[in-house]
Protein backbone atom coordinates (compact mmCIF):
# COMPACT_ATOMS: atom_id res chain seq x y z
CA UNK A 1 -25.30 40.61 13.83
CA UNK A 2 -24.77 37.10 12.47
CA UNK A 3 -27.65 34.65 12.60
CA UNK A 4 -27.58 30.94 13.22
CA UNK A 5 -27.99 28.50 10.36
CA UNK A 6 -31.55 27.44 9.68
CA UNK A 7 -30.51 24.10 8.19
CA UNK A 8 -28.46 21.63 10.22
CA UNK A 9 -24.96 20.72 9.10
CA UNK A 10 -25.69 16.98 9.31
CA UNK A 11 -29.11 15.72 8.28
CA UNK A 12 -31.05 12.79 6.90
CA UNK A 13 -32.22 14.03 3.49
CA UNK A 14 -35.90 13.86 2.47
CA UNK A 15 -37.08 11.28 -0.04
CA UNK A 16 -39.08 13.86 -2.00
CA UNK A 17 -39.96 17.53 -1.98
CA UNK A 18 -41.56 18.47 1.30
CA UNK A 19 -44.81 20.39 1.13
CA UNK A 20 -48.32 20.32 2.60
CA UNK A 21 -48.89 16.92 1.00
CA UNK A 22 -45.69 15.22 2.12
CA UNK A 23 -45.03 16.47 5.67
CA UNK A 24 -47.14 16.66 8.80
CA UNK A 25 -44.83 19.45 9.95
CA UNK A 26 -46.81 22.17 8.17
CA UNK A 27 -49.91 21.35 10.20
CA UNK A 28 -47.90 21.30 13.42
CA UNK A 29 -46.54 24.75 12.58
CA UNK A 30 -50.08 26.08 12.01
CA UNK A 31 -51.16 24.58 15.34
CA UNK A 32 -48.23 26.21 17.14
CA UNK A 33 -48.74 29.64 15.66
CA UNK A 34 -52.55 29.86 15.45
CA UNK A 35 -53.60 27.85 18.52
CA UNK A 36 -50.68 28.06 20.93
CA UNK A 37 -49.64 31.54 19.76
CA UNK A 38 -46.01 30.42 19.69
CA UNK A 39 -43.80 32.19 17.17
CA UNK A 40 -41.42 29.52 15.95
CA UNK A 41 -37.91 30.36 14.78
CA UNK A 42 -36.87 29.46 11.22
CA UNK A 43 -34.85 26.44 12.34
CA UNK A 44 -37.75 25.12 14.41
CA UNK A 45 -40.12 25.34 11.45
CA UNK A 46 -37.52 23.70 9.20
CA UNK A 47 -37.07 20.85 11.68
CA UNK A 48 -40.79 20.17 12.06
CA UNK A 49 -41.20 19.95 8.30
CA UNK A 50 -38.26 17.58 7.82
CA UNK A 51 -38.65 15.47 10.97
CA UNK A 52 -42.33 14.79 10.30
CA UNK A 53 -42.00 13.72 6.68
CA UNK A 54 -44.60 11.14 5.69
CA UNK A 55 -44.81 8.17 3.36
CA UNK A 56 -48.02 7.76 1.38
CA UNK A 57 -50.64 10.49 1.09
CA UNK A 58 -52.92 12.29 3.52
CA UNK A 59 -56.51 11.23 3.02
CA UNK A 60 -55.35 7.73 2.18
CA UNK A 61 -52.77 5.40 3.63
CA UNK A 62 -49.93 7.34 5.21
CA UNK A 63 -47.43 7.00 7.98
CA UNK A 64 -44.54 8.95 9.43
CA UNK A 65 -41.30 8.14 7.66
CA UNK A 66 -39.31 8.16 10.90
CA UNK A 67 -40.05 6.40 14.16
CA UNK A 68 -36.97 7.90 15.86
CA UNK A 69 -35.92 11.53 15.43
CA UNK A 70 -32.57 12.55 16.89
CA UNK A 71 -32.20 16.32 17.31
CA UNK A 72 -28.75 17.59 18.28
CA UNK A 73 -28.27 21.28 18.93
CA UNK A 74 -26.25 23.40 21.35
CA UNK A 75 -27.65 24.40 24.73
CA UNK A 76 -30.24 27.17 25.13
CA UNK A 77 -31.51 27.17 21.55
CA UNK A 78 -35.16 26.29 22.12
CA UNK A 79 -35.35 22.49 22.24
CA UNK A 80 -37.91 22.59 25.05
CA UNK A 81 -40.27 24.82 23.08
CA UNK A 82 -40.30 22.30 20.25
CA UNK A 83 -40.95 19.45 22.67
CA UNK A 84 -43.93 21.28 24.12
CA UNK A 85 -45.34 21.98 20.66
CA UNK A 86 -44.93 18.39 19.46
CA UNK A 87 -46.37 16.99 22.70
CA UNK A 88 -49.48 19.17 22.55
CA UNK A 89 -50.05 18.47 18.87
CA UNK A 90 -49.94 14.74 19.51
CA UNK A 91 -52.31 15.03 22.47
CA UNK A 92 -54.85 17.47 21.05
CA UNK A 93 -54.69 16.98 17.29
CA UNK A 94 -53.61 13.34 17.02
CA UNK A 95 -55.73 12.51 20.10
CA UNK A 96 -53.11 10.06 21.33
CA UNK A 97 -53.83 8.29 24.60
CA UNK A 98 -50.35 8.40 26.12
CA UNK A 99 -47.25 10.58 25.87
CA UNK A 100 -44.21 9.59 27.95
CA UNK A 101 -41.63 12.19 28.92
CA UNK A 102 -38.21 11.06 30.09
CA UNK A 103 -34.93 12.83 30.87
CA UNK A 104 -31.91 12.13 33.07
CA UNK A 105 -34.09 12.53 36.16
CA UNK A 106 -37.64 13.40 37.14
CA UNK A 107 -36.69 17.02 37.86
CA UNK A 108 -35.59 17.67 34.28
CA UNK A 109 -38.54 15.88 32.68
CA UNK A 110 -40.77 17.61 35.22
CA UNK A 111 -39.58 21.03 34.04
CA UNK A 112 -40.71 20.23 30.50
CA UNK A 113 -43.99 18.83 31.83
CA UNK A 114 -44.53 22.09 33.79
CA UNK A 115 -43.99 24.14 30.62
CA UNK A 116 -46.50 21.96 28.80
CA UNK A 117 -49.15 22.29 31.51
CA UNK A 118 -48.64 26.05 31.63
CA UNK A 119 -49.19 26.24 27.87
CA UNK A 120 -52.42 24.26 28.24
CA UNK A 121 -53.62 26.53 31.04
CA UNK A 122 -52.80 29.64 28.97
CA UNK A 123 -54.70 28.43 25.91
CA UNK A 124 -58.50 28.45 26.47
CA UNK A 125 -59.22 26.01 23.64
CA UNK A 126 -56.92 23.47 25.29
CA UNK A 127 -57.72 24.23 28.91
CA UNK A 128 -61.32 23.12 28.36
CA UNK A 129 -60.07 19.56 27.81
CA UNK A 130 -57.86 19.45 30.88
CA UNK A 131 -59.09 17.23 33.70
CA UNK A 132 -56.22 17.68 36.14
CA UNK A 133 -52.48 17.77 36.60
CA UNK A 134 -51.00 15.40 39.16
CA UNK A 135 -47.58 15.71 40.77
CA UNK A 136 -46.05 12.85 42.70
CA UNK A 137 -42.73 11.40 43.79
CA UNK A 138 -42.85 8.82 41.00
CA UNK A 139 -43.61 11.33 38.23
CA UNK A 140 -46.27 13.67 36.90
CA UNK A 141 -49.46 13.12 34.96
CA UNK A 142 -51.35 15.64 32.85
CA UNK A 143 -54.82 14.15 32.41
CA UNK A 144 -57.06 15.25 29.53
CA UNK A 145 -60.60 14.25 28.66
CA UNK A 146 -60.98 10.93 26.94
CA UNK A 147 -58.40 9.32 29.25
CA UNK A 148 -55.44 10.97 27.56
CA UNK A 149 -52.26 11.27 29.64
CA UNK A 150 -48.88 12.95 29.48
CA UNK A 151 -46.71 11.29 32.13
CA UNK A 152 -43.10 11.66 33.17
CA UNK A 153 -41.04 8.60 34.03
CA UNK A 154 -37.59 8.07 35.55
CA UNK A 155 -34.94 6.60 33.20
CA UNK A 156 -35.04 3.11 34.69
CA UNK A 157 -35.54 -0.37 33.28
CA UNK A 158 -39.13 -0.80 34.38
CA UNK A 159 -40.38 2.77 34.34
CA UNK A 160 -41.98 2.74 30.89
CA UNK A 161 -43.27 -0.82 30.82
CA UNK A 162 -47.00 -1.16 30.48
CA UNK A 163 -49.42 0.61 28.11
CA UNK A 164 -48.19 1.57 24.65
CA UNK A 165 -47.50 5.19 23.82
CA UNK A 166 -47.81 7.08 20.58
CA UNK A 167 -45.14 9.63 21.50
CA UNK A 168 -42.05 9.27 23.67
CA UNK A 169 -39.94 12.32 24.51
CA UNK A 170 -36.34 11.61 25.52
CA UNK A 171 -34.78 14.90 26.61
CA UNK A 172 -31.09 15.38 27.47
CA UNK A 173 -30.33 12.01 25.95
CA UNK A 174 -26.62 12.57 26.57
CA UNK A 175 -27.13 11.69 30.23
CA UNK A 176 -28.25 8.12 29.58
CA UNK A 177 -25.24 6.02 30.54
CA UNK A 178 -26.97 2.62 30.28
CA UNK A 179 -29.47 1.05 27.90
CA UNK A 180 -32.04 0.36 30.63
CA UNK A 181 -34.36 3.26 29.81
CA UNK A 182 -34.05 2.96 26.03
CA UNK A 183 -34.67 -0.77 26.03
CA UNK A 184 -37.77 -0.31 28.15
CA UNK A 185 -39.30 2.68 26.40
CA UNK A 186 -38.51 1.96 22.74
CA UNK A 187 -40.99 -0.91 22.55
CA UNK A 188 -43.90 1.20 23.81
CA UNK A 189 -44.49 2.60 20.30
CA UNK A 190 -44.46 -0.77 18.50
CA UNK A 191 -48.24 -1.15 18.50
CA UNK A 192 -48.85 2.40 17.23
CA UNK A 193 -49.27 3.16 13.53
CA UNK A 194 -47.58 6.54 13.94
CA UNK A 195 -45.50 6.05 17.05
CA UNK A 196 -42.58 8.45 17.44
CA UNK A 197 -39.58 8.70 19.76
CA UNK A 198 -38.35 12.31 19.77
CA UNK A 199 -34.80 12.53 21.16
CA UNK A 200 -33.22 15.88 21.95
CA UNK A 201 -29.78 16.70 23.30
CA UNK A 202 -26.61 18.62 22.89
CA UNK A 203 -23.42 16.66 22.18
CA UNK A 204 -22.46 13.81 24.47
CA UNK A 205 -19.18 12.42 25.75
CA UNK A 206 -17.60 9.02 26.28
CA UNK A 207 -20.16 8.17 28.96
CA UNK A 208 -23.18 8.98 26.78
CA UNK A 209 -23.74 5.34 25.97
CA UNK A 210 -27.09 5.50 24.15
CA UNK A 211 -26.62 8.83 22.38
CA UNK A 212 -23.19 7.84 21.12
CA UNK A 213 -24.55 4.60 19.67
CA UNK A 214 -27.57 6.23 18.02
CA UNK A 215 -25.46 9.00 16.54
CA UNK A 216 -23.04 6.38 15.27
CA UNK A 217 -25.87 4.56 13.50
CA UNK A 218 -27.19 7.77 11.96
CA UNK A 219 -23.78 9.08 10.84
CA UNK A 220 -22.81 5.70 9.42
CA UNK A 221 -25.98 5.71 7.31
CA UNK A 222 -24.89 9.09 5.91
CA UNK A 223 -21.40 7.84 5.02
CA UNK A 224 -19.64 9.08 8.18
CA UNK A 225 -19.52 12.76 7.10
CA UNK A 226 -17.17 13.85 9.92
CA UNK A 227 -15.05 10.70 10.12
CA UNK A 228 -16.36 10.37 13.67
CA UNK A 229 -17.65 6.83 13.29
CA UNK A 230 -14.20 5.62 12.30
CA UNK A 231 -12.62 7.44 15.24
CA UNK A 232 -14.91 5.98 17.93
CA UNK A 233 -15.71 2.62 16.41
CA UNK A 234 -15.66 -0.39 18.67
CA UNK A 235 -16.71 -3.95 17.83
CA UNK A 236 -19.99 -3.33 19.68
CA UNK A 237 -20.78 -0.22 17.64
CA UNK A 238 -19.72 -1.77 14.35
CA UNK A 239 -22.06 -4.70 14.94
CA UNK A 240 -25.15 -2.51 15.39
CA UNK A 241 -27.81 -3.01 12.76
CA UNK A 242 -28.83 -0.18 10.46
CA UNK A 243 -31.81 1.92 11.56
CA UNK A 244 -33.64 2.96 8.36
CA UNK A 245 -36.51 4.65 10.24
CA UNK A 246 -34.22 6.88 12.31
CA UNK A 247 -33.31 10.42 11.31
CA UNK A 248 -30.66 12.77 12.58
CA UNK A 249 -30.82 16.55 12.43
CA UNK A 250 -27.63 17.93 13.90
CA UNK A 251 -26.70 21.55 14.38
CA UNK A 252 -23.03 21.25 15.31
CA UNK A 253 -19.82 23.07 14.53
CA UNK A 254 -17.61 21.42 11.95
CA UNK A 255 -14.94 19.34 13.75
CA UNK A 256 -12.05 21.53 12.57
CA UNK A 257 -13.59 24.80 13.82
CA UNK A 258 -11.69 26.74 16.44
CA UNK A 259 -13.52 27.54 19.65
CA UNK A 260 -13.90 31.20 18.66
CA UNK A 261 -14.90 30.71 15.02
CA UNK A 262 -18.23 32.53 14.63
CA UNK A 263 -19.08 30.35 11.64
CA UNK A 264 -18.96 27.39 14.03
CA UNK A 265 -21.23 29.25 16.45
CA UNK A 266 -23.77 29.70 13.67
CA UNK A 267 -23.59 26.02 12.73
CA UNK A 268 -24.34 24.88 16.29
CA UNK A 269 -26.66 27.67 17.46
CA UNK A 270 -29.56 28.16 15.04
CA UNK A 271 -31.24 30.59 17.44
CA UNK A 272 -28.22 32.93 17.40
CA UNK A 273 -29.22 36.47 16.47
CA UNK A 274 -32.94 36.00 17.03
CA UNK A 275 -33.21 38.06 20.21
CA UNK A 276 -32.51 35.99 23.31
CA UNK A 277 -29.25 34.38 22.13
CA UNK A 278 -26.57 36.89 21.10
CA UNK A 279 -22.90 36.69 20.20
CA UNK A 280 -22.08 38.58 23.39
CA UNK A 281 -23.91 36.05 25.58
CA UNK A 282 -22.41 33.12 23.70
CA UNK A 283 -18.89 34.52 24.00
CA UNK A 284 -19.35 35.01 27.75
CA UNK A 285 -20.67 31.46 28.12
CA UNK A 286 -17.72 29.96 26.22
CA UNK A 287 -15.21 32.04 28.19
CA UNK A 288 -16.48 30.61 31.47
CA UNK A 289 -15.94 26.95 30.53
CA UNK A 290 -13.13 24.54 29.86
CA UNK A 291 -12.51 24.00 26.15
CA UNK A 292 -14.02 20.51 26.27
CA UNK A 293 -17.08 21.83 28.09
CA UNK A 294 -17.57 24.71 25.65
CA UNK A 295 -17.24 22.44 22.64
CA UNK A 296 -19.81 20.04 24.03
CA UNK A 297 -22.32 22.58 25.35
CA UNK A 298 -21.94 25.53 22.94
CA UNK A 299 -20.56 23.99 19.74
CA UNK A 300 -22.40 20.65 20.08
CA UNK A 301 -19.22 18.74 19.29
CA UNK A 302 -18.63 15.25 20.64
CA UNK A 303 -15.47 15.34 22.73
CA UNK A 304 -14.28 11.95 23.96
CA UNK A 305 -12.12 13.52 26.66
CA UNK A 306 -15.18 14.93 28.44
CA UNK A 307 -15.19 11.85 30.65
CA UNK A 308 -13.51 12.37 34.02
CA UNK A 309 -10.16 10.75 33.43
CA UNK A 310 -8.23 9.40 36.39
CA UNK A 311 -5.14 11.09 34.99
CA UNK A 312 -4.32 14.77 35.64
CA UNK A 313 -6.16 17.02 33.21
CA UNK A 314 -4.26 17.36 29.94
CA UNK A 315 -1.59 14.79 30.78
CA UNK A 316 -2.95 12.01 28.56
CA UNK A 317 -3.21 14.42 25.66
CA UNK A 318 0.32 15.67 26.36
CA UNK A 319 1.60 12.14 25.92
CA UNK A 320 -0.08 11.71 22.54
CA UNK A 321 2.50 11.71 19.76
CA UNK A 322 1.45 10.47 16.29
CA UNK A 323 5.11 9.89 15.43
CA UNK A 324 5.96 8.01 18.61
CA UNK A 325 7.53 4.59 18.15
CA UNK A 326 9.82 2.11 19.81
CA UNK A 327 13.48 2.43 18.86
CA UNK A 328 14.86 -0.53 16.82
CA UNK A 329 17.43 -1.33 19.52
CA UNK A 330 14.91 -1.38 22.39
CA UNK A 331 13.91 -4.52 24.24
CA UNK A 332 10.16 -5.19 24.22
CA UNK A 333 7.91 -5.79 27.19
CA UNK A 334 4.54 -7.37 26.46
CA UNK A 335 1.23 -7.65 28.32
CA UNK A 336 -2.24 -9.04 27.74
CA UNK A 337 -5.59 -8.33 29.36
CA UNK A 338 -9.21 -9.44 28.99
CA UNK A 339 -12.31 -7.25 29.43
CA UNK A 340 -14.58 -7.66 32.44
CA UNK A 341 -17.28 -9.40 30.36
CA UNK A 342 -14.68 -11.66 28.70
CA UNK A 343 -15.79 -10.37 25.31
CA UNK A 344 -12.52 -8.70 24.20
CA UNK A 345 -8.79 -9.20 24.59
CA UNK A 346 -6.01 -6.66 24.18
CA UNK A 347 -2.30 -7.20 23.60
CA UNK A 348 0.05 -4.30 24.32
CA UNK A 349 3.76 -3.62 24.06
CA UNK A 350 6.10 -1.18 25.75
CA UNK A 351 9.58 -0.16 24.68
CA UNK A 352 12.10 2.65 24.72
CA UNK A 353 11.95 5.47 22.22
CA UNK A 354 15.02 6.99 20.65
CA UNK A 355 15.03 9.66 23.39
CA UNK A 356 14.94 6.81 25.98
CA UNK A 357 11.49 7.70 27.26
CA UNK A 358 8.82 5.01 26.99
CA UNK A 359 6.26 4.20 24.33
CA UNK A 360 3.17 2.01 24.85
CA UNK A 361 0.87 0.72 22.16
CA UNK A 362 -2.09 -1.59 21.66
CA UNK A 363 -0.89 -3.92 18.92
CA UNK A 364 -4.04 -6.05 18.81
CA UNK A 365 -7.57 -5.72 20.19
CA UNK A 366 -10.28 -8.11 19.07
CA UNK A 367 -13.49 -9.75 20.17
CA UNK A 368 -13.10 -13.05 21.98
CA UNK A 369 -10.23 -14.78 23.78
CA UNK A 370 -9.15 -17.73 21.64
CA UNK A 371 -7.65 -15.71 18.78
CA UNK A 372 -4.66 -14.74 20.95
CA UNK A 373 -3.14 -18.22 20.72
CA UNK A 374 -2.88 -18.16 16.92
CA UNK A 375 -1.82 -14.51 16.98
CA UNK A 376 1.10 -15.35 19.28
CA UNK A 377 1.99 -18.51 17.40
CA UNK A 378 2.39 -16.50 14.18
CA UNK A 379 4.70 -13.92 15.76
CA UNK A 380 6.59 -15.26 18.78
CA UNK A 381 10.16 -16.41 18.19
CA UNK A 382 11.24 -19.51 20.17
CA UNK A 383 14.86 -18.40 19.79
CA UNK A 384 14.09 -15.15 21.61
CA UNK A 385 11.00 -15.83 23.71
CA UNK A 386 8.43 -13.18 24.46
CA UNK A 387 7.73 -12.61 28.16
CA UNK A 388 4.13 -11.46 28.56
CA UNK A 389 2.86 -9.93 31.78
CA UNK A 390 -0.70 -10.45 32.99
CA UNK A 391 -2.65 -10.15 36.23
CA UNK A 392 -2.07 -13.51 37.86
CA UNK A 393 -5.05 -13.60 40.19
CA UNK A 394 -8.58 -12.20 40.32
CA UNK A 395 -8.81 -11.09 36.68
CA UNK A 396 -10.59 -12.53 33.58
CA UNK A 397 -7.24 -13.04 31.82
CA UNK A 398 -6.01 -15.37 34.57
CA UNK A 399 -7.92 -18.38 33.25
CA UNK A 400 -6.37 -17.99 29.80
CA UNK A 401 -2.74 -17.66 30.86
CA UNK A 402 -1.99 -21.38 30.72
CA UNK A 403 -3.46 -21.58 27.22
CA UNK A 404 -1.40 -18.68 25.91
CA UNK A 405 1.68 -20.01 27.69
CA UNK A 406 1.57 -23.22 25.67
CA UNK A 407 2.65 -21.34 22.56
CA UNK A 408 6.28 -22.06 21.73
CA UNK A 409 8.31 -18.91 22.32
CA UNK A 410 5.95 -17.42 24.91
CA UNK A 411 6.49 -17.17 28.64
CA UNK A 412 3.60 -15.84 30.69
CA UNK A 413 4.68 -13.72 33.68
CA UNK A 414 2.03 -13.40 36.42
CA UNK A 415 1.75 -10.11 38.28
CA UNK A 416 0.15 -10.60 41.67
CA UNK A 417 -0.32 -9.07 45.10
CA UNK A 418 1.06 -5.60 45.68
CA UNK A 419 2.67 -5.59 42.23
CA UNK A 420 -0.76 -5.16 40.61
CA UNK A 421 -1.19 -1.82 42.36
CA UNK A 422 2.48 -0.97 41.82
CA UNK A 423 2.23 -1.45 38.06
CA UNK A 424 -0.96 0.65 37.86
CA UNK A 425 0.61 3.37 39.99
CA UNK A 426 3.82 3.42 37.95
CA UNK A 427 1.83 3.86 34.75
CA UNK A 428 -0.18 6.70 36.31
CA UNK A 429 3.08 8.35 37.33
CA UNK A 430 4.46 7.95 33.79
CA UNK A 431 1.40 9.66 32.31
CA UNK A 432 1.31 12.34 35.02
CA UNK A 433 4.99 13.11 34.38
CA UNK A 434 3.79 14.95 31.27
CA UNK A 435 1.13 16.92 33.17
CA UNK A 436 1.18 20.43 31.61
CA UNK A 437 -0.06 21.85 34.91
CA UNK A 438 2.87 20.53 36.91
CA UNK A 439 4.58 23.60 38.30
CA UNK A 440 8.23 22.58 38.47
CA UNK A 441 7.97 19.77 35.92
CA UNK A 442 9.83 17.56 38.37
CA UNK A 443 9.06 13.87 38.53
CA UNK A 444 11.09 10.74 39.07
CA UNK A 445 8.78 8.73 36.82
CA UNK A 446 9.82 7.87 33.29
CA UNK A 447 7.42 9.64 30.87
CA UNK A 448 5.29 7.41 28.70
CA UNK A 449 4.07 8.34 25.21
CA UNK A 450 1.52 6.76 22.92
CA UNK A 451 0.05 7.18 19.47
CA UNK A 452 -3.56 8.29 18.96
CA UNK A 453 -5.57 5.08 19.19
CA UNK A 454 -9.35 5.29 19.69
CA UNK A 455 -9.58 2.08 21.75
CA UNK A 456 -6.80 3.25 24.05
CA UNK A 457 -7.85 6.90 24.25
CA UNK A 458 -11.42 5.97 25.12
CA UNK A 459 -10.28 3.53 27.81
CA UNK A 460 -7.98 6.16 29.33
CA UNK A 461 -10.89 8.56 29.64
CA UNK A 462 -13.44 6.21 31.18
CA UNK A 463 -11.33 3.86 33.30
CA UNK A 464 -12.41 3.49 36.91
CA UNK A 465 -10.20 2.48 39.81
CA UNK A 466 -10.74 0.52 43.01
CA UNK A 467 -8.89 1.07 46.30
CA UNK A 468 -6.68 -1.67 47.67
CA UNK A 469 -5.81 -0.02 50.99
CA UNK A 470 -3.18 2.45 52.22
CA UNK A 471 -3.63 4.62 49.13
CA UNK A 472 -2.94 1.81 46.67
CA UNK A 473 -5.40 1.12 43.87
CA UNK A 474 -5.92 -0.97 40.75
CA UNK A 475 -7.91 -0.63 37.55
CA UNK A 476 -11.56 -1.60 37.98
CA UNK A 477 -12.69 -3.35 34.82
CA UNK A 478 -16.25 -3.96 36.03
CA UNK A 479 -17.02 -0.36 37.00
CA UNK A 480 -15.49 1.20 33.91
CA UNK A 481 -18.05 2.36 31.36
CA UNK A 482 -16.19 0.79 28.45
CA UNK A 483 -13.81 -2.06 27.82
CA UNK A 484 -10.56 -0.91 29.46
CA UNK A 485 -8.47 -3.96 28.60
CA UNK A 486 -6.39 -1.84 26.14
CA UNK A 487 -5.43 0.53 28.98
CA UNK A 488 -4.82 -2.24 31.51
CA UNK A 489 -2.59 -4.08 29.03
CA UNK A 490 -0.57 -0.92 28.33
CA UNK A 491 -0.34 -0.20 32.05
CA UNK A 492 0.87 -3.74 32.70
CA UNK A 493 3.44 -3.55 29.88
CA UNK A 494 4.81 -0.24 31.13
CA UNK A 495 4.94 -1.49 34.71
CA UNK A 496 6.74 -4.59 33.52
CA UNK A 497 9.25 -2.51 31.58
CA UNK A 498 10.05 -0.04 34.32
CA UNK A 499 10.14 -2.78 36.93
CA UNK A 500 12.38 -5.16 35.06
CA UNK A 501 14.73 -2.78 33.21
CA UNK A 502 16.35 -5.65 31.42
CA UNK A 503 16.60 -6.92 27.87
CA UNK A 504 13.72 -9.16 27.00
CA UNK A 505 12.39 -10.88 23.92
CA UNK A 506 13.65 -9.07 20.88
CA UNK A 507 11.81 -8.65 17.64
CA UNK A 508 9.55 -6.04 16.12
CA UNK A 509 6.50 -4.83 17.98
CA UNK A 510 4.80 -4.26 14.65
CA UNK A 511 3.40 -6.62 12.10
CA UNK A 512 4.64 -6.50 8.55
CA UNK A 513 1.58 -4.56 7.48
CA UNK A 514 1.79 -2.07 10.35
CA UNK A 515 -0.25 -1.62 13.53
CA UNK A 516 -3.13 -4.03 13.96
CA UNK A 517 -6.14 -2.78 15.91
CA UNK A 518 -9.32 -4.74 15.37
């Protein structure tokens, strides 16, 4: 029987050798095993020692090295047990006045709170200090003597405002799709000399806004060991400041592992082979999921395509071709779009491939709106003008069309009314034409291919739509979880191409130095 790896595959290394004098973790382990009578697994002991590294010396001036600890591990490996142990140590040994527990909802945080209260009730030395446990619609409160509290809060903007806490537990962090909860709760530890935010989760997806950003910061600090930062980077992520007091301890399968590679199982499941989690159970769990679901839940791998794409399952991936390109003799159809918050602009092109199917590509994506004018001026040819499609009404790009249209060699083509829905629908049909699940493979739509591009792939997986009546719909920039201007621009370019079917502005879709995505 194989056993899971004790040490995580990705970790923030210690500054010095960790022993009784340099880590609080050893005392937490003694508390767990001698007071709580909890037998910790090797990986749990390892994590406590490394996550609770200190600076300075006990008996003098000391502090925890990390204020944020990010623990990533596959499902059903014992994260809750660790949370209970850390919570009780902080309350009974550190004598902290307030612990805040937060998860995706009060039910999930309440489950951890229940386990903590049960541990207190089962341990006579702790039960003597219990005053009461309160359950209410707005959360739960475990009250100890000396006005100490362990409360659960919903993940909302105002839930954690108020008194400062010495420990904040953020469970299932992958479910936080906005920054409301993080922004509210992260400041509660500022006034504490040894405040700690303990974050636990399995891998997230494209909608895991906070977890994705925090993992990006941590991986970037380690030199991007998986190349993941480069793959998912957006201007917003790239602009995030470094977080020197944050640590990551990640048990995850190496990105190139197959779904059935037992070595990958051991990397992501440190509890494997220690009784309750067996290879047989893990194999059965993986077999009952989609590949994306199994990779996220059981291999703790971040899979961008976990978001519920509006396209048929597998069709976007089927249209991904690293070698795809526009044929030299193809006319070019251009489009431009601006994000809902007017912070980014995307320029896309569509053309015919050598096999006479279609290719779309984001040729430029940058922060701001004004850069497009110079970008067009450097490339457009007055002798063979570029015709650029855009949404002519009710979109952020509309206000910029006149500005872009002043560039010599550029003609802006507004798309309005029912054509907005028609262009979106035609693009959906072009992607769906490659649906691997289509029984007869029959479709009148012209298939559309694209290269792997993180800004486009992410947009395709998180884009929302809004109904326009009678089954028609359009892309909804405001409701989409990310900037979808790359997708909207590609959709507009493809719609323009398939609608017009005529030679347009010639010239290369590519810059001299190759594809530009910024």
